[in-house]
Every structure is written in C-alpha cells, then in structure tokens.
Amino acid sequence: MANFWMNAVGRESLIAADSTWGLLMVMCVGVFFSIWLEQKYEWASKISGAIIALIIAMVLANLGVIPTSCVLYDDVVWGIIVPMGIPMLLLQCNLKKIWAETGRMLVIFLIGAVGTTVGAFLAYGLLKNAFGNAEDLARVAAMMTGSYIGGGVNFAAMASQYAAGEDVTAAATVADNLLMAFYFFVLIFFAGNKWFRKNYKHPLIEEVEAGKVDMEEAKTLAAAFWDRKDISLKDIAVNVAYAVTIVWLSQLVAGLFGGFEITNAFMNFVVRFLGSQYVWITTFSVIVATCFEKTVEEMHGSREIGTYLIYLFLFVIGVPANIYTVVTKSPLLLVLTAIMVLVNMIFCFGAAKVFKFNLEDAIIASNANIGGPTTAAGMAISQGWATLVGPAMLVGTLGYVIGNYLGTIVAISLGL
C-alpha cells in the first residue's frame, strides 16, 4: 500500500509525516470515535475504547493513510502527552483515605499485587526462549506488571519508559484486553460457584439472593465517580500547570541519579530505580494528593483530562504495528498475561482463605488488580455489593501508585 501512495501522491502515506495538523486531526477524531462507540454501544464497551483506538490506528497505518513514524508520535505523544496525563490521574491517590476506608480488601489487594509481580517473573522465565527476543518480553512483563496492579495509566508509564518493539507493544495491548475481558467472566462465575461458596464466607451474596439489597444504592455510591463534572477554565489551567510542574520536577530529580556508575549490584539497582522519572512522577503526585486534599478536590477535570491524554497514547501505539505481527505475537503474549493473572488469582483467593475473608472481598480485590478501579467498582455495582463500591475504587486507585513502582522493579530486575 505504501507503493500505491508513493506513486499517487509522491510519498509513503496519504498524509505526510510532516503534516502535523493532518495527523493530529486523524488522531483526535480516531480517539473521539473510539470513546463515542465505547459509551454508546454495548459491543464496543466489551471490546473497550482502548482496543478500538488501537485498531483504527493500526488499520490506517497498514493501509498507508498515515505514516508509521513522525515527530507528533515520537516526541509529542510519547515525550509530552503521556508524562502529563499520569500526574492528573494520580491525583485520586490520597493514601490517608485509602488506608482508612479499605479494610480487609486492602490486605488482599496488596497480596494480589505481589502475586502479579511473581507471575511476571514466572511468565518471563517460562516464555523467554519461545518468544525469541528476551529483552522485548522483559519490557512486556514490566508493562503488564504495572497494568495488572494498577491499570491503563501504568501500562502507559511503563510503555513510555521501557517501550518494546513497536508491534510488540500493540500485541501486548490486544492480549491484555482479551485476557481481562475473559477473567471478569471467570470472577462472576466464582461468585455463583458451589465450591467457592462452600469454602468461603459470602454474606453479601446471601443478602442479594435474599432480596435484602437495594441495587440502586450501589449505583448512588458510584455516581460521583462516573458522573459529569463541573469544569472551568481555571480548572483546566491549574491541572495543566500542575502536571507540567510535576513532570519537570521528576525529570530534574531523576537526572540527579542518572550519571552514577556503581559496581555494587544492590546500590546499582537502587540508583536505577531512583533514576526513573515515573517513580518520581508517582511519588510527587501521591504527596500532593495526600497532603493537599482540599486543594485537589477543587481541581475538577483531572481524571477526565488525564484519561483523554492516555487515549491519545493508546491510538499512537497502534500506528507502527504490523497487523500480521500483532496477530502472530498476541497468542504468546496472551499466555504471558494468563500466567500473571492466574498467579494473582491464587494469591488473592489464597489470602482470603488464610485470613478467613469473604469471597466478595477476594473477587473485587483481584478485579481491582487486573482491571483497575472502574472495573472493580462496576462489578461490585452489577452484583449488588454496595458496601464494596467505595473500597473497590480506593484500592484500585492505590494500584496506580504501586503499579509504577513494581513495574520499574520488574524491568530493572530483568536487565532493562
């Protein structure tokens, strides 16, 4: 197809690599279309806007409509958009609130995070020979560690810092979303399974089946999370100023550790960890969210703006991907994600059994690990577990914090 456009318009793609406004138009329209489809149609919501955006970009690039590399993708989105989006999303991470309100679910969630990390090392060890490129597999393991402890924000952070081969990142996104969708059905199956009900306490399930729960109560608790927000010009200004300041400070501090040459293995690990800008973006963002709670509450729109910026990133990672390579690599990466999810499940449900916690706590905590706060709260709502909606949101948000830390640890440990 590139030859077709070369003959027709004298270049490799219909829209030239230096046509920044043309490419920006395609990217923004593609992201809008993805979000619109996800929110309007049930089939699209099951696929997810992330996958739709990636597929649109991948198809356009493979047809030669847009180039596979340009300044907009490489410097603006990867270098500016992703780092700016992450501090805004991390403004939800008030550690005092999370610690006070999550109870038993926090314990299971943290144990599940350890399980995800263990699963990453196990999957890497089992698959590195079959995959062929051990370094790329290590990068995917780091990305998926962040994603399966936090969510898309962590996948973006790890992909930006430890970007795998262009096709591999897109293939990992496809595998990630396929596996998550399947696992959510598994968790719902666990809630109704006789074996799990026999071996775990399940008081909330019993209340729902006895008709003692008002399903609207859970929806009311989550309304503030999903509802339309008031946003002013000042809100936009303060969010952008905050994000840019956090990124600048993080790069400044991380740069202080970048020039050290240390032979001691442990200290070299520490210096490399502290030399990650995303470690400091996470740290500074959490400090702001925790210590300046009232100010943060007045910064309306941070979640929406941050999410939109991450969607732009998701579009761009699909651009350089060859469709054939994604199709052929996704199955093996699906095995990697399956191993990580399986180990997370064992840790979460094992912890619930050992500490005699409820089945519902284990289900929602594992969901919060693998899918993030929105999917965990959504499952609690759908099942009528109103008292778990708030904790689900909070522990899932905590995953945004520790996901970046543990993803970085996995990356460094695997030699990146």
Protein backbone atom coordinates (compact mmCIF):
# COMPACT_ATOMS: atom_id res chain seq x y z
CA MET A 1 0.00 0.00 0.00
CA ALA A 2 2.96 2.30 0.64
CA ASN A 3 3.97 1.87 -3.02
CA PHE A 4 0.46 2.90 -4.09
CA TRP A 5 0.68 6.20 -2.22
CA MET A 6 4.26 6.69 -3.38
CA ASN A 7 3.04 6.54 -6.99
CA ALA A 8 -0.17 8.50 -6.35
CA VAL A 9 0.99 11.40 -4.17
CA GLY A 10 4.76 11.06 -4.20
CA ARG A 11 5.18 9.89 -0.60
CA GLU A 12 4.81 6.73 1.51
CA SER A 13 1.49 7.71 3.14
CA LEU A 14 -1.56 9.71 2.11
CA ILE A 15 -0.94 12.15 4.98
CA ALA A 16 2.72 13.13 5.08
CA ALA A 17 4.85 12.59 8.18
CA ASP A 18 5.49 16.33 8.44
CA SER A 19 1.76 17.22 8.19
CA THR A 20 1.37 17.67 11.93
CA TRP A 21 -2.12 19.16 11.78
CA GLY A 22 -3.38 16.48 9.43
CA LEU A 23 -2.05 13.71 11.68
CA LEU A 24 -3.34 15.46 14.79
CA MET A 25 -6.78 15.60 13.16
CA VAL A 26 -6.74 11.86 12.43
CA MET A 27 -5.55 11.05 15.95
CA CYS A 28 -8.11 13.24 17.74
CA VAL A 29 -11.01 12.13 15.52
CA GLY A 30 -9.98 8.49 15.99
CA VAL A 31 -9.92 8.87 19.78
CA PHE A 32 -13.28 10.66 19.79
CA PHE A 33 -14.81 7.90 17.66
CA SER A 34 -13.41 5.23 19.99
CA ILE A 35 -14.80 6.89 23.12
CA TRP A 36 -18.16 7.55 21.44
CA LEU A 37 -18.51 3.92 20.36
CA GLU A 38 -17.49 2.62 23.79
CA GLN A 39 -20.08 4.76 25.56
CA LYS A 40 -22.90 4.24 23.04
CA TYR A 41 -22.82 0.54 22.15
CA GLU A 42 -22.58 -2.48 24.43
CA TRP A 43 -20.44 -4.47 21.96
CA ALA A 44 -17.95 -1.60 21.82
CA SER A 45 -17.80 -1.32 25.61
CA LYS A 46 -16.90 -5.01 25.77
CA ILE A 47 -14.09 -4.53 23.26
CA SER A 48 -13.05 -1.30 25.07
CA GLY A 49 -12.24 2.08 23.64
CA ALA A 50 -8.55 1.33 24.03
CA ILE A 51 -8.67 -1.58 21.60
CA ILE A 52 -10.90 0.33 19.18
CA ALA A 53 -8.46 3.26 19.10
CA LEU A 54 -5.54 0.89 18.57
CA ILE A 55 -7.32 -0.97 15.74
CA ILE A 56 -8.27 2.26 13.96
CA ALA A 57 -4.67 3.46 14.06
CA MET A 58 -3.28 0.08 13.02
CA VAL A 59 -5.63 -0.20 10.03
CA LEU A 60 -4.96 3.36 8.85
CA ALA A 61 -1.20 2.86 9.11
CA ASN A 62 -1.24 -0.52 7.34
CA LEU A 63 -3.32 0.99 4.52
CA GLY A 64 -0.78 3.77 4.16
CA VAL A 65 -3.17 6.56 5.14
CA ILE A 66 -0.91 7.76 7.97
CA PRO A 67 2.86 7.25 8.45
CA THR A 68 4.28 4.83 10.98
CA SER A 69 6.68 7.35 12.49
CA CYS A 70 6.70 11.13 12.85
CA VAL A 71 7.55 13.93 15.28
CA LEU A 72 3.95 14.06 16.56
CA TYR A 73 4.05 10.43 17.69
CA ASP A 74 7.63 10.14 18.84
CA ASP A 75 8.27 13.49 20.51
CA VAL A 76 4.87 14.97 21.37
CA VAL A 77 2.75 11.97 22.44
CA TRP A 78 5.47 9.74 23.92
CA GLY A 79 7.56 12.62 25.26
CA ILE A 80 4.93 15.10 26.48
CA ILE A 81 1.34 13.76 26.41
CA VAL A 82 1.97 10.54 28.39
CA PRO A 83 4.02 12.15 31.19
CA MET A 84 1.41 14.92 31.54
CA GLY A 85 -1.55 12.55 31.74
CA ILE A 86 -0.17 10.42 34.56
CA PRO A 87 0.08 13.09 37.31
CA MET A 88 -3.54 14.10 36.66
CA LEU A 89 -4.80 10.53 37.07
CA LEU A 90 -2.69 10.04 40.19
CA LEU A 91 -4.42 12.95 41.92
CA GLN A 92 -7.00 10.40 43.09
CA CYS A 93 -4.38 8.63 45.24
CA ASN A 94 -4.96 10.02 48.72
CA LEU A 95 -3.15 7.45 50.85
CA LYS A 96 -4.79 8.56 54.13
CA LYS A 97 -8.25 7.98 52.69
CA ILE A 98 -7.26 4.65 51.11
CA TRP A 99 -5.75 3.35 54.35
CA ALA A 100 -8.74 4.41 56.47
CA GLU A 101 -11.57 3.14 54.26
CA THR A 102 -10.50 -0.07 52.53
CA GLY A 103 -10.18 -2.56 55.40
CA ARG A 104 -9.74 -6.22 54.51
CA MET A 105 -9.84 -5.58 50.79
CA LEU A 106 -6.58 -3.62 51.02
CA VAL A 107 -4.81 -6.65 52.52
CA ILE A 108 -5.96 -8.93 49.70
CA PHE A 109 -5.19 -6.29 47.08
CA LEU A 110 -1.59 -5.85 48.26
CA ILE A 111 -1.05 -9.61 48.38
CA GLY A 112 -2.52 -9.80 44.88
CA ALA A 113 -0.05 -7.14 43.72
CA VAL A 114 2.77 -9.36 44.99
CA GLY A 115 1.18 -12.24 43.07
CA THR A 116 1.13 -10.19 39.86
CA THR A 117 4.83 -9.42 40.29
CA VAL A 118 5.69 -13.06 40.97
CA GLY A 119 3.62 -14.03 37.94
CA ALA A 120 5.61 -11.62 35.76
CA PHE A 121 8.91 -13.26 36.72
CA LEU A 122 7.45 -16.74 36.30
CA ALA A 123 5.93 -15.97 32.89
CA TYR A 124 9.17 -14.40 31.68
CA GLY A 125 11.19 -17.43 32.79
CA LEU A 126 8.82 -19.86 31.08
CA LEU A 127 8.39 -17.97 27.81
CA LYS A 128 11.66 -16.17 27.07
CA ASN A 129 13.03 -18.97 24.87
CA ALA A 130 9.78 -19.44 22.97
CA PHE A 131 9.37 -15.69 22.42
CA GLY A 132 12.80 -15.31 20.89
CA ASN A 133 13.53 -11.72 21.95
CA ALA A 134 14.05 -11.90 25.71
CA GLU A 135 14.53 -8.15 26.05
CA ASP A 136 11.20 -7.36 24.40
CA LEU A 137 9.49 -9.96 26.59
CA ALA A 138 11.03 -8.34 29.68
CA ARG A 139 9.62 -5.00 28.56
CA VAL A 140 6.16 -6.51 28.14
CA ALA A 141 6.45 -8.17 31.57
CA ALA A 142 7.20 -4.76 33.10
CA MET A 143 4.29 -3.12 31.25
CA MET A 144 1.87 -5.85 32.28
CA THR A 145 3.05 -5.74 35.90
CA GLY A 146 2.09 -2.08 36.01
CA SER A 147 -1.20 -2.72 34.21
CA TYR A 148 -2.21 -5.75 36.32
CA ILE A 149 -1.59 -3.90 39.57
CA GLY A 150 -2.93 -0.52 38.52
CA GLY A 151 -4.39 0.00 35.07
CA GLY A 152 -4.00 1.74 31.74
CA VAL A 153 -2.16 4.67 33.31
CA ASN A 154 0.58 2.28 34.48
CA PHE A 155 0.72 0.50 31.12
CA ALA A 156 1.30 3.92 29.53
CA ALA A 157 4.02 4.82 32.02
CA MET A 158 5.89 1.55 31.63
CA ALA A 159 5.47 1.54 27.84
CA SER A 160 6.85 5.08 27.68
CA GLN A 161 9.86 4.20 29.79
CA TYR A 162 10.54 0.64 28.59
CA ALA A 163 8.90 0.66 25.16
CA ALA A 164 9.12 -2.75 23.50
CA GLY A 165 9.29 -3.24 19.76
CA GLU A 166 6.54 -1.31 18.02
CA ASP A 167 4.49 -4.37 17.08
CA VAL A 168 5.05 -5.99 20.46
CA THR A 169 3.51 -3.09 22.40
CA ALA A 170 0.37 -3.23 20.27
CA ALA A 171 0.22 -7.03 20.57
CA ALA A 172 0.55 -6.72 24.35
CA THR A 173 -2.38 -4.28 24.43
CA VAL A 174 -4.57 -6.70 22.47
CA ALA A 175 -3.60 -9.64 24.71
CA ASP A 176 -4.14 -7.52 27.83
CA ASN A 177 -7.71 -6.53 26.90
CA LEU A 178 -8.70 -10.01 25.71
CA LEU A 179 -7.47 -11.62 28.91
CA MET A 180 -9.10 -9.01 31.16
CA ALA A 181 -12.48 -9.47 29.49
CA PHE A 182 -12.28 -13.25 29.93
CA TYR A 183 -11.13 -13.03 33.55
CA PHE A 184 -14.02 -10.79 34.57
CA PHE A 185 -16.43 -13.51 33.43
CA VAL A 186 -14.39 -16.01 35.47
CA LEU A 187 -14.73 -13.87 38.60
CA ILE A 188 -18.50 -13.63 38.17
CA PHE A 189 -18.56 -17.43 37.74
CA PHE A 190 -16.70 -17.78 41.05
CA ALA A 191 -19.40 -15.75 42.80
CA GLY A 192 -22.03 -18.32 41.81
CA ASN A 193 -19.92 -21.47 42.03
CA LYS A 194 -20.84 -24.01 44.72
CA TRP A 195 -17.22 -24.90 45.54
CA PHE A 196 -16.27 -21.28 46.25
CA ARG A 197 -19.43 -20.70 48.25
CA LYS A 198 -18.71 -23.80 50.31
CA ASN A 199 -15.12 -22.79 51.09
CA TYR A 200 -15.52 -19.03 51.60
CA LYS A 201 -17.91 -16.87 53.59
CA HIS A 202 -20.15 -14.88 51.24
CA PRO A 203 -22.56 -12.70 53.27
CA LEU A 204 -23.16 -10.10 50.54
CA ILE A 205 -24.11 -12.75 48.00
CA GLU A 206 -26.58 -14.19 50.50
CA GLU A 207 -28.10 -10.76 51.12
CA VAL A 208 -28.60 -10.15 47.40
CA GLU A 209 -30.19 -13.56 46.86
CA ALA A 210 -32.46 -12.99 49.85
CA GLY A 211 -33.66 -9.73 48.30
CA LYS A 212 -32.28 -7.59 51.12
CA VAL A 213 -30.17 -5.31 48.92
CA ASP A 214 -31.29 -2.22 47.03
CA MET A 215 -29.37 -2.35 43.73
CA GLU A 216 -29.76 1.41 43.32
CA GLU A 217 -27.73 2.01 46.49
CA ALA A 218 -24.52 0.80 44.85
CA LYS A 219 -25.18 2.95 41.79
CA THR A 220 -25.64 6.00 44.02
CA LEU A 221 -22.32 5.38 45.75
CA ALA A 222 -20.52 5.27 42.42
CA ALA A 223 -22.33 8.19 40.83
CA ALA A 224 -19.67 10.71 41.82
CA PHE A 225 -17.01 8.56 40.18
CA TRP A 226 -18.61 8.42 36.73
CA ASP A 227 -20.95 11.40 36.70
CA ARG A 228 -20.39 14.51 34.57
CA LYS A 229 -18.16 17.01 36.38
CA ASP A 230 -18.29 20.79 36.51
CA ILE A 231 -15.12 22.18 34.97
CA SER A 232 -13.99 25.76 34.45
CA LEU A 233 -11.19 27.49 32.57
CA LYS A 234 -9.34 27.80 35.87
CA ASP A 235 -9.62 24.03 36.41
CA ILE A 236 -8.00 23.35 33.04
CA ALA A 237 -5.27 25.89 33.74
CA VAL A 238 -4.41 24.54 37.19
CA ASN A 239 -4.44 20.90 36.04
CA VAL A 240 -2.08 21.59 33.14
CA ALA A 241 0.19 23.76 35.30
CA TYR A 242 0.28 21.08 37.99
CA ALA A 243 1.06 18.26 35.54
CA VAL A 244 3.85 20.18 33.80
CA THR A 245 5.40 21.13 37.15
CA ILE A 246 5.34 17.54 38.41
CA VAL A 247 6.95 16.22 35.21
CA TRP A 248 9.64 18.91 35.27
CA LEU A 249 10.50 18.25 38.94
CA SER A 250 10.53 14.49 38.32
CA GLN A 251 12.92 14.77 35.40
CA LEU A 252 15.13 17.09 37.44
CA VAL A 253 15.35 14.73 40.42
CA ALA A 254 15.67 11.57 38.28
CA GLY A 255 18.50 13.24 36.37
CA LEU A 256 20.49 13.58 39.59
CA PHE A 257 20.78 9.79 39.72
CA GLY A 258 21.36 9.25 36.01
CA GLY A 259 25.12 9.79 35.92
CA PHE A 260 26.18 7.40 38.67
CA GLU A 261 28.31 4.37 37.81
CA ILE A 262 28.11 1.89 40.69
CA THR A 263 29.56 -1.61 40.72
CA ASN A 264 27.65 -2.82 43.79
CA ALA A 265 24.63 -4.70 42.43
CA PHE A 266 22.17 -3.61 45.11
CA MET A 267 23.14 0.06 45.03
CA ASN A 268 23.09 0.00 41.23
CA PHE A 269 19.51 -1.30 41.44
CA VAL A 270 18.56 1.49 43.87
CA VAL A 271 20.17 4.21 41.74
CA ARG A 272 18.47 2.96 38.58
CA PHE A 273 15.13 2.83 40.40
CA LEU A 274 15.55 6.39 41.64
CA GLY A 275 16.67 7.44 38.19
CA SER A 276 13.23 6.69 36.73
CA GLN A 277 11.17 9.81 36.07
CA TYR A 278 7.97 7.79 36.53
CA VAL A 279 8.99 6.78 40.05
CA TRP A 280 9.24 10.47 40.91
CA ILE A 281 6.09 11.44 38.98
CA THR A 282 4.26 8.86 41.07
CA THR A 283 5.88 9.93 44.34
CA PHE A 284 5.31 13.66 43.90
CA SER A 285 1.74 13.11 42.70
CA VAL A 286 0.87 10.98 45.73
CA ILE A 287 2.39 13.57 48.08
CA VAL A 288 0.22 16.26 46.50
CA ALA A 289 -2.91 14.07 46.59
CA THR A 290 -2.37 13.09 50.23
CA CYS A 291 -1.07 16.31 51.78
CA PHE A 292 -3.16 18.85 49.86
CA GLU A 293 -6.52 17.09 49.86
CA LYS A 294 -8.72 20.21 49.89
CA THR A 295 -6.82 21.83 47.02
CA VAL A 296 -7.00 18.64 44.95
CA GLU A 297 -10.77 18.38 45.49
CA GLU A 298 -11.14 21.77 43.81
CA MET A 299 -9.12 20.70 40.73
CA HIS A 300 -12.08 19.44 38.71
CA GLY A 301 -11.47 17.57 35.49
CA SER A 302 -8.10 16.00 36.31
CA ARG A 303 -9.39 12.45 35.79
CA GLU A 304 -11.13 13.30 32.51
CA ILE A 305 -8.22 15.27 31.03
CA GLY A 306 -5.70 12.63 32.12
CA THR A 307 -7.78 9.81 30.68
CA TYR A 308 -8.13 11.62 27.36
CA LEU A 309 -4.36 12.09 27.13
CA ILE A 310 -3.85 8.36 27.77
CA TYR A 311 -6.32 7.58 24.97
CA LEU A 312 -4.14 9.61 22.59
CA PHE A 313 -1.24 7.40 23.64
CA LEU A 314 -3.29 4.25 23.03
CA PHE A 315 -4.02 5.44 19.49
CA VAL A 316 -0.36 6.09 18.78
CA ILE A 317 0.88 2.68 19.94
CA GLY A 318 -1.29 1.09 17.25
CA VAL A 319 0.21 3.19 14.45
CA PRO A 320 3.53 1.40 13.85
CA ALA A 321 2.11 -2.08 14.37
CA ASN A 322 2.06 -4.54 11.50
CA ILE A 323 -1.29 -6.38 11.60
CA TYR A 324 0.29 -9.75 10.78
CA THR A 325 2.88 -9.38 13.55
CA VAL A 326 0.23 -8.40 16.11
CA VAL A 327 -1.93 -11.39 15.20
CA THR A 328 1.00 -13.81 15.40
CA LYS A 329 2.55 -12.40 18.60
CA SER A 330 -0.65 -11.81 20.59
CA PRO A 331 -1.29 -15.52 21.34
CA LEU A 332 2.06 -15.95 23.10
CA LEU A 333 1.59 -12.70 24.98
CA LEU A 334 -1.87 -13.94 25.90
CA VAL A 335 -0.14 -16.88 27.59
CA LEU A 336 2.10 -14.45 29.48
CA THR A 337 -0.86 -12.41 30.70
CA ALA A 338 -2.77 -15.60 31.57
CA ILE A 339 0.11 -16.80 33.77
CA MET A 340 0.26 -13.43 35.54
CA VAL A 341 -3.50 -13.36 36.13
CA LEU A 342 -3.53 -16.96 37.33
CA VAL A 343 -0.82 -16.28 39.92
CA ASN A 344 -2.62 -13.11 41.01
CA MET A 345 -5.81 -15.14 41.44
CA ILE A 346 -4.02 -17.78 43.53
CA PHE A 347 -2.53 -15.11 45.80
CA CYS A 348 -5.83 -13.21 46.21
CA PHE A 349 -8.05 -16.21 46.88
CA GLY A 350 -5.34 -17.91 48.92
CA ALA A 351 -5.04 -14.85 51.14
CA ALA A 352 -8.81 -14.69 51.58
CA LYS A 353 -8.82 -18.35 52.63
CA VAL A 354 -5.90 -18.00 55.06
CA PHE A 355 -7.26 -14.85 56.72
CA LYS A 356 -10.88 -16.07 56.52
CA PHE A 357 -12.03 -13.07 54.50
CA ASN A 358 -15.16 -13.04 52.40
CA LEU A 359 -15.37 -14.37 48.85
CA GLU A 360 -16.65 -10.99 47.69
CA ASP A 361 -13.52 -9.26 49.02
CA ALA A 362 -11.27 -11.61 47.06
CA ILE A 363 -13.25 -11.19 43.83
CA ILE A 364 -13.27 -7.40 43.92
CA ALA A 365 -9.63 -7.12 45.06
CA SER A 366 -8.46 -9.33 42.19
CA ASN A 367 -10.60 -7.34 39.77
CA ALA A 368 -9.07 -4.10 41.10
CA ASN A 369 -5.59 -5.53 40.45
CA ILE A 370 -6.24 -6.76 36.95
CA GLY A 371 -8.71 -4.16 35.70
CA GLY A 372 -8.39 -1.10 37.91
CA PRO A 373 -10.85 0.94 39.97
CA THR A 374 -13.54 1.42 37.33
CA THR A 375 -13.97 -2.26 36.50
CA ALA A 376 -13.82 -3.29 40.18
CA ALA A 377 -16.47 -0.75 41.17
CA GLY A 378 -18.54 -1.73 38.14
CA MET A 379 -18.51 -5.38 39.16
CA ALA A 380 -19.48 -4.51 42.74
CA ILE A 381 -22.40 -2.48 41.39
CA SER A 382 -23.54 -5.20 39.00
CA GLN A 383 -23.54 -7.78 41.79
CA GLY A 384 -25.31 -5.51 44.30
CA TRP A 385 -22.37 -5.39 46.75
CA ALA A 386 -22.93 -1.75 47.70
CA THR A 387 -20.54 -1.69 50.65
CA LEU A 388 -17.63 -2.72 48.40
CA VAL A 389 -18.03 0.03 45.78
CA GLY A 390 -16.06 2.65 47.71
CA PRO A 391 -13.23 0.30 48.77
CA ALA A 392 -13.03 -1.05 45.19
CA MET A 393 -12.45 2.45 43.85
CA LEU A 394 -9.87 3.25 46.51
CA VAL A 395 -7.73 0.11 46.32
CA GLY A 396 -7.85 0.24 42.53
CA THR A 397 -6.59 3.81 42.70
CA LEU A 398 -3.79 2.71 45.03
CA GLY A 399 -2.76 0.33 42.26
CA TYR A 400 -1.93 3.35 40.11
CA VAL A 401 0.76 4.17 42.67
CA ILE A 402 2.39 0.83 43.40
CA GLY A 403 1.98 -0.35 39.80
CA ASN A 404 4.63 2.10 38.63
CA TYR A 405 6.99 1.14 41.44
CA LEU A 406 6.67 -2.62 40.95
CA GLY A 407 6.71 -2.35 37.16
CA THR A 408 10.01 -0.47 37.41
CA ILE A 409 11.40 -3.09 39.80
CA VAL A 410 10.47 -5.89 37.37
CA ALA A 411 12.08 -4.04 34.47
CA ILE A 412 15.36 -3.42 36.31
CA SER A 413 15.43 -6.97 37.70
CA LEU A 414 15.07 -8.41 34.20
CA GLY A 415 18.01 -6.39 32.95
CA LEU A 416 16.36 -3.38 31.29
